[in-house]
Amino acid sequence: MELSGGTATGSGPALGLVTIGQAPRTDLTGDIEPLLGGLGVSEHGALDDEVFDGAEGVRTRTALASAPGEAPLVSRLRDGTSVVLGHDALAPRMREAVARCEADGVAVTLLLCTGNFPPVPADRPVLRAEPLVQQGVRALVGDEPVGIVCPLPAQAADVARRWSALLPGPVRAEPADPYAADAHEAVASAAERLVAGGSSRLVLDCIGYTESMRGAAARAGGRPVLLARSLAVRLAVEAAAAHPAAPPRGAA
């Protein structure tokens, strides 16, 4: 199945997927397709209508940048490159992307970002990846020391703080950009540093980290590795399967 923006595919209840970047997220398809169980998908991005080329692209990146003191976010664009973003600039665009998913008739929408977003107004349930991932990890790791891999060095302190408030055991964070050309090597190196610092479980805390990056981290660190994208999608699929899909808006 191809994940594509604007249509609900497959049969049964539909799951909306909203990326903070641009859809389609072709880097997600191979990893999450086996998790969907035939569930139809509608995919939209907060930045689908934004231009990132030339002078207009410079203006777009400036307008979307994180505010001073705000922990940045990073996501993938349609062409495979990445962009650094701020929560405040994204919020209205996220609401619009959720509305497009609901117009397609989805039962549940998942926000594909482990950043901390405020509630999004919607007619049907909207799930945020961050609490799904955090609560899933909390249930699995107990009081073991946990190492968190996050995309950017500027995020590490905030990520460590938020996870430390949730988990009873020691928490450390190390950066590794999942959208960089050397992403697998960077993730492996971050895993090695975390294990050397005493972490007995690792978490790849960004939707951009892939199953193959999980494998690289596990081989380098020799520890169990939990993956944000699979944790979030598995739980969202369960929620969507429990809700009947609505007809697309405008359908007879």
Protein backbone atom coordinates (compact mmCIF):
# COMPACT_ATOMS: atom_id res chain seq x y z
CA MET A 1 0.00 0.00 0.00
CA GLU A 2 1.23 3.50 -0.82
CA LEU A 3 0.72 6.21 1.75
CA SER A 4 -0.44 9.27 -0.13
CA GLY A 5 -2.00 12.59 0.82
CA GLY A 6 -5.63 13.33 0.24
CA THR A 7 -7.24 9.90 0.04
CA ALA A 8 -8.20 7.12 2.41
CA THR A 9 -6.95 3.84 0.99
CA GLY A 10 -7.63 0.23 1.89
CA SER A 11 -10.70 -1.04 3.75
CA GLY A 12 -12.10 -0.57 7.24
CA PRO A 13 -11.64 2.42 9.55
CA ALA A 14 -9.19 5.01 8.30
CA LEU A 15 -6.19 6.43 10.16
CA GLY A 16 -5.05 9.98 9.52
CA LEU A 17 -1.32 10.65 9.59
CA VAL A 18 -0.16 14.26 9.96
CA THR A 19 3.53 15.00 9.60
CA ILE A 20 4.95 18.33 10.70
CA GLY A 21 6.83 18.36 7.39
CA GLN A 22 5.47 17.45 3.96
CA ALA A 23 3.51 14.43 2.78
CA PRO A 24 3.94 11.85 1.49
CA ARG A 25 6.48 10.56 4.03
CA THR A 26 7.92 7.87 1.77
CA ASP A 27 10.56 7.13 4.41
CA LEU A 28 7.75 5.83 6.67
CA THR A 29 5.96 3.56 4.21
CA GLY A 30 8.07 0.42 4.45
CA ASP A 31 8.23 0.47 8.25
CA ILE A 32 4.59 1.15 9.06
CA GLU A 33 2.75 -0.69 6.29
CA PRO A 34 3.09 -4.05 8.11
CA LEU A 35 1.61 -2.44 11.25
CA LEU A 36 -1.60 -1.17 9.63
CA GLY A 37 -3.44 -4.48 9.33
CA GLY A 38 -5.26 -3.33 6.18
CA LEU A 39 -6.39 -0.07 7.76
CA GLY A 40 -6.96 2.74 5.27
CA VAL A 41 -4.68 5.76 5.56
CA SER A 42 -4.99 9.45 4.75
CA GLU A 43 -1.71 11.38 4.95
CA HIS A 44 -1.24 15.15 5.04
CA GLY A 45 1.60 17.46 6.04
CA ALA A 46 1.61 20.75 7.91
CA LEU A 47 3.93 22.18 5.25
CA ASP A 48 2.33 20.68 2.14
CA ASP A 49 1.58 24.12 0.65
CA GLU A 50 4.86 25.75 1.60
CA VAL A 51 7.65 26.53 -0.89
CA PHE A 52 11.24 25.78 0.09
CA ASP A 53 13.08 26.72 -3.12
CA GLY A 54 14.93 29.93 -3.92
CA ALA A 55 14.30 33.25 -2.22
CA GLU A 56 10.79 32.23 -1.21
CA GLY A 57 12.26 29.17 0.46
CA VAL A 58 14.57 31.35 2.55
CA ARG A 59 11.59 33.41 3.67
CA THR A 60 9.63 30.24 4.47
CA ARG A 61 12.42 28.78 6.62
CA THR A 62 12.77 32.08 8.48
CA ALA A 63 9.02 32.26 9.15
CA LEU A 64 8.92 28.67 10.42
CA ALA A 65 12.03 28.83 12.61
CA SER A 66 11.86 28.26 16.35
CA ALA A 67 11.57 31.33 18.56
CA PRO A 68 14.43 32.32 20.89
CA GLY A 69 14.51 29.90 23.82
CA GLU A 70 12.14 27.46 22.11
CA ALA A 71 13.31 23.87 21.62
CA PRO A 72 13.48 23.30 17.85
CA LEU A 73 11.82 20.55 15.82
CA VAL A 74 13.04 18.92 12.63
CA SER A 75 11.10 17.14 9.92
CA ARG A 76 11.39 15.80 6.38
CA LEU A 77 10.29 17.61 3.23
CA ARG A 78 8.86 15.96 0.14
CA ASP A 79 12.22 16.09 -1.66
CA GLY A 80 13.98 14.19 1.14
CA THR A 81 15.72 17.19 2.71
CA SER A 82 14.90 18.42 6.21
CA VAL A 83 13.82 21.67 7.85
CA VAL A 84 14.17 23.01 11.40
CA LEU A 85 10.89 24.33 12.81
CA GLY A 86 9.28 26.03 15.78
CA HIS A 87 6.18 24.81 17.66
CA ASP A 88 4.38 28.17 17.51
CA ALA A 89 4.81 28.57 13.76
CA LEU A 90 3.56 25.03 13.15
CA ALA A 91 0.44 25.08 15.32
CA PRO A 92 -2.02 26.64 12.82
CA ARG A 93 -0.62 24.53 9.99
CA MET A 94 -1.08 21.39 12.07
CA ARG A 95 -4.73 22.29 12.65
CA GLU A 96 -5.25 22.67 8.90
CA ALA A 97 -3.63 19.31 8.16
CA VAL A 98 -5.81 17.57 10.76
CA ALA A 99 -8.89 19.17 9.17
CA ARG A 100 -7.86 17.77 5.78
CA CYS A 101 -7.55 14.28 7.26
CA GLU A 102 -10.99 14.58 8.82
CA ALA A 103 -12.41 15.78 5.50
CA ASP A 104 -11.18 12.45 4.07
CA GLY A 105 -13.30 10.60 6.65
CA VAL A 106 -10.67 9.27 9.04
CA ALA A 107 -11.68 7.76 12.38
CA VAL A 108 -8.54 8.88 14.26
CA THR A 109 -5.65 11.18 13.38
CA LEU A 110 -2.07 10.67 14.62
CA LEU A 111 0.31 13.64 14.85
CA LEU A 112 3.60 12.22 13.62
CA CYS A 113 5.92 14.18 15.86
CA THR A 114 7.34 13.55 19.32
CA GLY A 115 7.37 17.27 20.04
CA ASN A 116 5.08 18.74 22.71
CA PHE A 117 2.05 20.27 20.94
CA PRO A 118 -1.06 21.77 22.51
CA PRO A 119 -4.44 20.10 21.85
CA VAL A 120 -5.67 20.41 18.26
CA PRO A 121 -9.37 21.24 17.76
CA ALA A 122 -11.01 18.40 15.84
CA ASP A 123 -14.27 16.53 15.41
CA ARG A 124 -12.70 13.12 15.91
CA PRO A 125 -9.90 11.83 18.16
CA VAL A 126 -6.42 13.29 17.59
CA LEU A 127 -3.52 11.33 19.06
CA ARG A 128 -0.10 12.84 19.71
CA ALA A 129 2.95 10.68 19.19
CA GLU A 130 4.78 12.11 22.19
CA PRO A 131 2.51 10.77 24.99
CA LEU A 132 1.96 7.51 23.12
CA VAL A 133 5.70 6.95 22.91
CA GLN A 134 6.48 8.22 26.40
CA GLN A 135 3.81 6.20 28.17
CA GLY A 136 4.66 3.10 26.15
CA VAL A 137 8.33 3.41 27.06
CA ARG A 138 7.48 4.04 30.71
CA ALA A 139 5.46 0.82 30.82
CA LEU A 140 8.28 -1.17 29.26
CA VAL A 141 11.45 0.06 30.97
CA GLY A 142 10.53 0.28 34.67
CA ASP A 143 13.30 1.97 36.64
CA GLU A 144 16.15 1.01 34.30
CA PRO A 145 18.51 3.76 33.11
CA VAL A 146 17.35 4.95 29.69
CA GLY A 147 19.24 6.64 26.89
CA ILE A 148 17.27 8.88 24.52
CA VAL A 149 18.46 9.60 20.99
CA CYS A 150 17.05 12.88 19.63
CA PRO A 151 17.74 14.66 16.32
CA LEU A 152 19.47 17.93 17.25
CA PRO A 153 22.06 18.98 19.85
CA ALA A 154 19.81 21.96 20.68
CA GLN A 155 17.05 19.53 21.68
CA ALA A 156 19.08 17.30 23.99
CA ALA A 157 18.69 19.26 27.25
CA ASP A 158 14.93 19.70 26.77
CA VAL A 159 14.47 16.04 25.78
CA ALA A 160 16.41 14.84 28.82
CA ARG A 161 14.37 17.13 31.09
CA ARG A 162 10.99 15.96 29.75
CA TRP A 163 11.89 12.26 29.89
CA SER A 164 13.43 12.63 33.36
CA ALA A 165 10.12 14.03 34.60
CA LEU A 166 8.40 10.86 33.37
CA LEU A 167 10.78 7.98 34.05
CA PRO A 168 11.86 6.88 37.54
CA GLY A 169 15.36 5.83 36.48
CA PRO A 170 18.32 7.87 35.21
CA VAL A 171 17.93 9.48 31.78
CA ARG A 172 20.57 10.72 29.34
CA ALA A 173 20.13 12.17 25.83
CA GLU A 174 22.43 12.25 22.82
CA PRO A 175 21.78 13.79 19.37
CA ALA A 176 21.85 12.07 15.97
CA ASP A 177 20.11 13.64 12.96
CA PRO A 178 17.87 11.01 11.29
CA TYR A 179 17.77 13.04 8.07
CA ALA A 180 21.52 13.42 7.63
CA ALA A 181 23.46 11.52 4.97
CA ASP A 182 25.37 9.66 7.72
CA ALA A 183 22.28 9.05 9.89
CA HIS A 184 22.98 5.35 10.55
CA GLU A 185 26.53 6.06 11.68
CA ALA A 186 25.38 8.99 13.81
CA VAL A 187 22.69 6.89 15.51
CA ALA A 188 25.17 4.09 16.15
CA SER A 189 27.64 6.55 17.68
CA ALA A 190 24.94 8.07 19.91
CA ALA A 191 23.95 4.58 21.08
CA GLU A 192 27.56 3.77 21.96
CA ARG A 193 27.88 6.97 24.00
CA LEU A 194 24.65 6.32 25.88
CA VAL A 195 25.57 2.74 26.72
CA ALA A 196 29.04 3.86 27.83
CA GLY A 197 27.25 6.30 30.16
CA GLY A 198 25.25 3.50 31.77
CA SER A 199 22.00 3.32 29.75
CA SER A 200 20.53 -0.18 29.65
CA ARG A 201 17.64 0.70 27.30
CA LEU A 202 17.66 3.04 24.32
CA VAL A 203 14.85 5.07 22.72
CA LEU A 204 15.01 6.58 19.23
CA ASP A 205 12.80 9.58 20.02
CA CYS A 206 11.83 10.96 16.61
CA ILE A 207 9.46 9.75 13.89
CA GLY A 208 12.36 10.15 11.45
CA TYR A 209 14.31 7.23 12.94
CA THR A 210 13.77 4.06 10.92
CA GLU A 211 13.78 0.33 11.62
CA SER A 212 17.19 0.09 9.97
CA MET A 213 18.48 2.81 12.32
CA ARG A 214 17.07 0.81 15.23
CA GLY A 215 19.18 -2.09 14.00
CA ALA A 216 22.27 0.12 13.79
CA ALA A 217 21.73 1.34 17.36
CA ALA A 218 21.15 -2.19 18.68
CA ARG A 219 24.30 -3.52 17.01
CA ALA A 220 26.44 -0.61 18.23
CA GLY A 221 25.09 -0.49 21.77
CA GLY A 222 24.19 -4.10 22.41
CA ARG A 223 21.05 -3.00 24.26
CA PRO A 224 17.28 -3.16 23.53
CA VAL A 225 16.14 -0.25 21.35
CA LEU A 226 12.59 1.17 21.28
CA LEU A 227 11.50 3.03 18.15
CA ALA A 228 9.15 6.04 18.32
CA ARG A 229 7.47 5.53 14.95
CA SER A 230 6.49 1.92 15.56
CA LEU A 231 5.27 2.56 19.14
CA ALA A 232 3.09 5.48 18.05
CA VAL A 233 1.66 3.83 14.95
CA ARG A 234 0.86 0.52 16.70
CA LEU A 235 -1.18 2.33 19.36
CA ALA A 236 -2.87 4.64 16.84
CA VAL A 237 -3.89 1.66 14.72
CA GLU A 238 -5.50 0.09 17.77
CA ALA A 239 -7.42 3.31 18.44
CA ALA A 240 -8.54 3.67 14.82
CA ALA A 241 -9.73 0.07 14.66
CA ALA A 242 -12.00 0.75 17.64
CA HIS A 243 -13.74 3.69 15.92
CA PRO A 244 -15.94 3.60 12.82
CA ALA A 245 -14.64 5.69 9.96
CA ALA A 246 -16.75 8.69 8.97
CA PRO A 247 -17.76 9.28 5.34
CA PRO A 248 -15.59 11.87 3.60
CA ARG A 249 -17.12 15.35 3.82
CA GLY A 250 -19.31 15.99 0.84
CA ALA A 251 -19.96 12.28 0.24
CA ALA A 252 -23.53 11.19 -0.36
